[in-house]
Amino acid sequence: MENLTAVLALVAGVGAALILVARLLAPVVPAAAAAGRAVVGLRAPLTFAVATVATAGSLYFSESAGYVPCRLCWFQRVAMYPIAVIALVALVRRDRDARWYILPLATIGALISSYHVLIEWGWVNDSESCLLFGPSCADVWFESFGFVTLALMALAGFVSIIVLNTVSFDAVDPEENS
């Protein structure tokens, strides 16, 4: 299950990077603009899918696999779980403005995840406060492909949600530049 969720996180991260590349190329490459518009047209279901898979994954790891969440993991959950609910409501109601509720949560989650990754990779020292509420935030339960940890998977999810909900292709018309 660790490798499956790691692959899904990498797909989300690569997908976000491809959206950014498409946005950069959109003014000069019509196919990039068209692909970007198609993906952004799926903003609501993709946001729901990413948030729901991340939520289900975190619940699997704590409830089935027995990984005890550290303090930063809990804060990341506090940011991700509501995104899944908001995205579902937005999808059902076809609410195009839900991103304004989703983005603050995703940004906070991405900041926490970034800090957590830095701790896991040893670039920032773990504060002793993590130990007061559970395992150390520096504990790595598993590492897939030599670098994908739970915190990195959360970061990939948050970043993909941010990219999906901020990048726009509306004002791009490649034919004007030809």
Protein backbone atom coordinates (compact mmCIF):
# COMPACT_ATOMS: atom_id res chain seq x y z
CA MET A 1 0.00 0.00 0.00
CA GLU A 2 2.93 2.34 0.69
CA ASN A 3 4.15 2.10 -2.91
CA LEU A 4 0.65 2.56 -4.34
CA THR A 5 0.02 5.72 -2.34
CA ALA A 6 3.53 6.96 -3.16
CA VAL A 7 2.84 6.50 -6.88
CA LEU A 8 -0.49 8.34 -6.55
CA ALA A 9 1.25 11.21 -4.77
CA LEU A 10 3.92 11.36 -7.46
CA VAL A 11 1.22 11.39 -10.14
CA ALA A 12 -0.45 14.33 -8.36
CA GLY A 13 2.87 16.18 -8.11
CA VAL A 14 3.84 15.53 -11.73
CA GLY A 15 0.32 16.50 -12.81
CA ALA A 16 0.70 19.84 -11.03
CA ALA A 17 4.07 20.39 -12.70
CA LEU A 18 2.59 19.58 -16.12
CA ILE A 19 -0.22 22.08 -15.57
CA LEU A 20 2.36 24.76 -14.78
CA VAL A 21 4.41 23.86 -17.87
CA ALA A 22 1.26 23.93 -20.01
CA ARG A 23 0.44 27.38 -18.64
CA LEU A 24 3.92 28.65 -19.51
CA LEU A 25 3.71 27.18 -23.03
CA ALA A 26 0.05 28.10 -23.63
CA PRO A 27 0.72 31.50 -25.27
CA VAL A 28 2.82 29.88 -28.01
CA VAL A 29 1.66 26.25 -28.15
CA PRO A 30 -2.04 25.82 -28.95
CA ALA A 31 -2.04 22.19 -27.77
CA ALA A 32 -0.76 23.25 -24.34
CA ALA A 33 -3.53 25.84 -24.06
CA ALA A 34 -6.17 23.30 -25.08
CA ALA A 35 -4.85 20.66 -22.68
CA GLY A 36 -4.68 23.20 -19.87
CA ARG A 37 -8.26 24.32 -20.47
CA ALA A 38 -9.41 20.69 -20.46
CA VAL A 39 -7.71 19.95 -17.14
CA VAL A 40 -8.90 23.16 -15.50
CA GLY A 41 -12.39 22.30 -16.73
CA LEU A 42 -12.13 19.28 -14.43
CA ARG A 43 -11.03 21.38 -11.44
CA ALA A 44 -13.84 20.29 -9.11
CA PRO A 45 -13.67 16.52 -9.69
CA LEU A 46 -9.86 16.50 -9.66
CA THR A 47 -9.72 18.50 -6.43
CA PHE A 48 -12.25 16.13 -4.89
CA ALA A 49 -10.28 13.09 -6.10
CA VAL A 50 -6.94 14.31 -4.74
CA ALA A 51 -8.37 15.34 -1.36
CA THR A 52 -10.41 12.16 -1.00
CA VAL A 53 -7.50 9.86 -1.87
CA ALA A 54 -5.24 11.78 0.54
CA THR A 55 -7.87 11.53 3.29
CA ALA A 56 -8.46 7.83 2.68
CA GLY A 57 -4.72 7.19 2.60
CA SER A 58 -4.08 8.94 5.89
CA LEU A 59 -6.93 7.06 7.52
CA TYR A 60 -5.61 3.76 6.15
CA PHE A 61 -2.12 4.40 7.51
CA SER A 62 -3.33 5.31 11.00
CA GLU A 63 -6.35 3.02 11.37
CA SER A 64 -5.30 -0.10 9.43
CA ALA A 65 -1.51 0.00 9.15
CA GLY A 66 -1.08 1.21 12.74
CA TYR A 67 1.08 4.28 12.06
CA VAL A 68 0.60 6.74 14.90
CA PRO A 69 0.30 10.28 13.48
CA CYS A 70 2.73 12.85 14.85
CA ARG A 71 1.65 16.36 15.75
CA LEU A 72 2.40 17.78 12.28
CA CYS A 73 0.50 14.90 10.65
CA TRP A 74 -2.56 15.90 12.68
CA PHE A 75 -2.27 19.50 11.53
CA GLN A 76 -1.98 18.33 7.92
CA ARG A 77 -5.14 16.26 8.40
CA VAL A 78 -6.95 19.28 9.83
CA ALA A 79 -6.20 21.05 6.55
CA MET A 80 -6.89 18.13 4.14
CA TYR A 81 -10.06 16.53 5.49
CA PRO A 82 -12.26 19.65 5.11
CA ILE A 83 -10.98 20.11 1.55
CA ALA A 84 -12.49 16.73 0.64
CA VAL A 85 -15.86 17.77 2.08
CA ILE A 86 -15.81 21.25 0.52
CA ALA A 87 -14.77 19.78 -2.83
CA LEU A 88 -17.63 17.28 -2.71
CA VAL A 89 -20.17 20.01 -1.98
CA ALA A 90 -18.66 22.16 -4.74
CA LEU A 91 -18.85 19.25 -7.16
CA VAL A 92 -22.48 18.50 -6.35
CA ARG A 93 -23.52 22.16 -6.44
CA ARG A 94 -21.27 22.99 -9.41
CA ASP A 95 -19.83 25.81 -7.35
CA ARG A 96 -16.96 27.40 -9.26
CA ASP A 97 -16.08 29.70 -6.34
CA ALA A 98 -15.34 26.92 -3.82
CA ARG A 99 -11.66 27.32 -4.57
CA TRP A 100 -11.67 30.45 -2.41
CA TYR A 101 -12.51 28.20 0.56
CA ILE A 102 -10.17 25.43 -0.52
CA LEU A 103 -7.06 27.53 -1.22
CA PRO A 104 -6.45 28.83 2.34
CA LEU A 105 -6.67 25.30 3.74
CA ALA A 106 -4.42 23.89 1.02
CA THR A 107 -1.87 26.66 1.50
CA ILE A 108 -1.73 26.13 5.26
CA GLY A 109 -1.45 22.37 4.70
CA ALA A 110 1.35 22.85 2.14
CA LEU A 111 3.32 25.03 4.56
CA ILE A 112 2.96 22.49 7.37
CA SER A 113 3.85 19.61 5.02
CA SER A 114 6.91 21.49 3.74
CA TYR A 115 8.13 22.02 7.29
CA HIS A 116 7.44 18.36 8.08
CA VAL A 117 9.42 17.20 5.03
CA LEU A 118 12.36 19.38 6.10
CA ILE A 119 12.26 17.75 9.54
CA GLU A 120 12.02 14.22 8.10
CA TRP A 121 14.95 14.83 5.76
CA GLY A 122 17.02 16.21 8.64
CA TRP A 123 17.36 19.73 7.23
CA VAL A 124 15.50 21.22 10.21
CA ASN A 125 15.74 19.91 13.76
CA ASP A 126 12.61 18.40 15.29
CA SER A 127 11.37 20.41 18.24
CA GLU A 128 10.80 18.46 21.41
CA SER A 129 7.17 19.66 21.44
CA CYS A 130 6.27 16.95 18.93
CA LEU A 131 7.10 14.29 21.50
CA LEU A 132 4.55 15.71 23.94
CA PHE A 133 1.66 14.65 21.70
CA GLY A 134 2.84 11.44 20.06
CA PRO A 135 5.77 10.20 18.05
CA SER A 136 8.55 12.48 16.92
CA CYS A 137 7.83 14.46 13.76
CA ALA A 138 11.22 13.24 12.53
CA ASP A 139 10.07 9.60 12.59
CA VAL A 140 9.73 8.22 9.08
CA TRP A 141 7.28 5.31 9.00
CA PHE A 142 8.33 4.33 5.49
CA GLU A 143 10.16 5.70 2.49
CA SER A 144 9.13 4.61 -1.00
CA PHE A 145 11.49 4.96 -3.95
CA GLY A 146 14.16 6.34 -1.62
CA PHE A 147 12.49 9.71 -0.97
CA VAL A 148 8.66 9.56 -0.78
CA THR A 149 7.45 9.80 2.82
CA LEU A 150 4.00 10.44 4.26
CA ALA A 151 4.78 14.14 4.65
CA LEU A 152 5.97 14.39 1.04
CA MET A 153 2.80 12.65 -0.13
CA ALA A 154 0.72 15.20 1.78
CA LEU A 155 2.77 18.03 0.27
CA ALA A 156 2.20 16.66 -3.25
CA GLY A 157 -1.54 16.54 -2.58
CA PHE A 158 -1.68 20.09 -1.25
CA VAL A 159 0.45 21.48 -4.08
CA SER A 160 -1.65 19.76 -6.73
CA ILE A 161 -4.82 21.16 -5.15
CA ILE A 162 -3.29 24.65 -5.09
CA VAL A 163 -2.22 24.42 -8.74
CA LEU A 164 -5.58 23.03 -9.85
CA ASN A 165 -7.39 25.87 -8.13
CA THR A 166 -5.16 28.80 -9.10
CA VAL A 167 -3.86 28.24 -12.61
CA SER A 168 -6.10 29.65 -15.30
CA PHE A 169 -6.03 29.41 -19.06
CA ASP A 170 -8.90 31.83 -19.66
CA ALA A 171 -6.85 34.76 -20.98
CA VAL A 172 -4.56 32.62 -23.14
CA ASP A 173 -5.11 32.71 -26.90
CA PRO A 174 -2.16 31.17 -28.76
CA GLU A 175 -3.46 32.29 -32.14
CA GLU A 176 -3.00 35.97 -31.21
CA ASN A 177 0.75 35.45 -30.97
CA SER A 178 1.09 33.71 -34.33
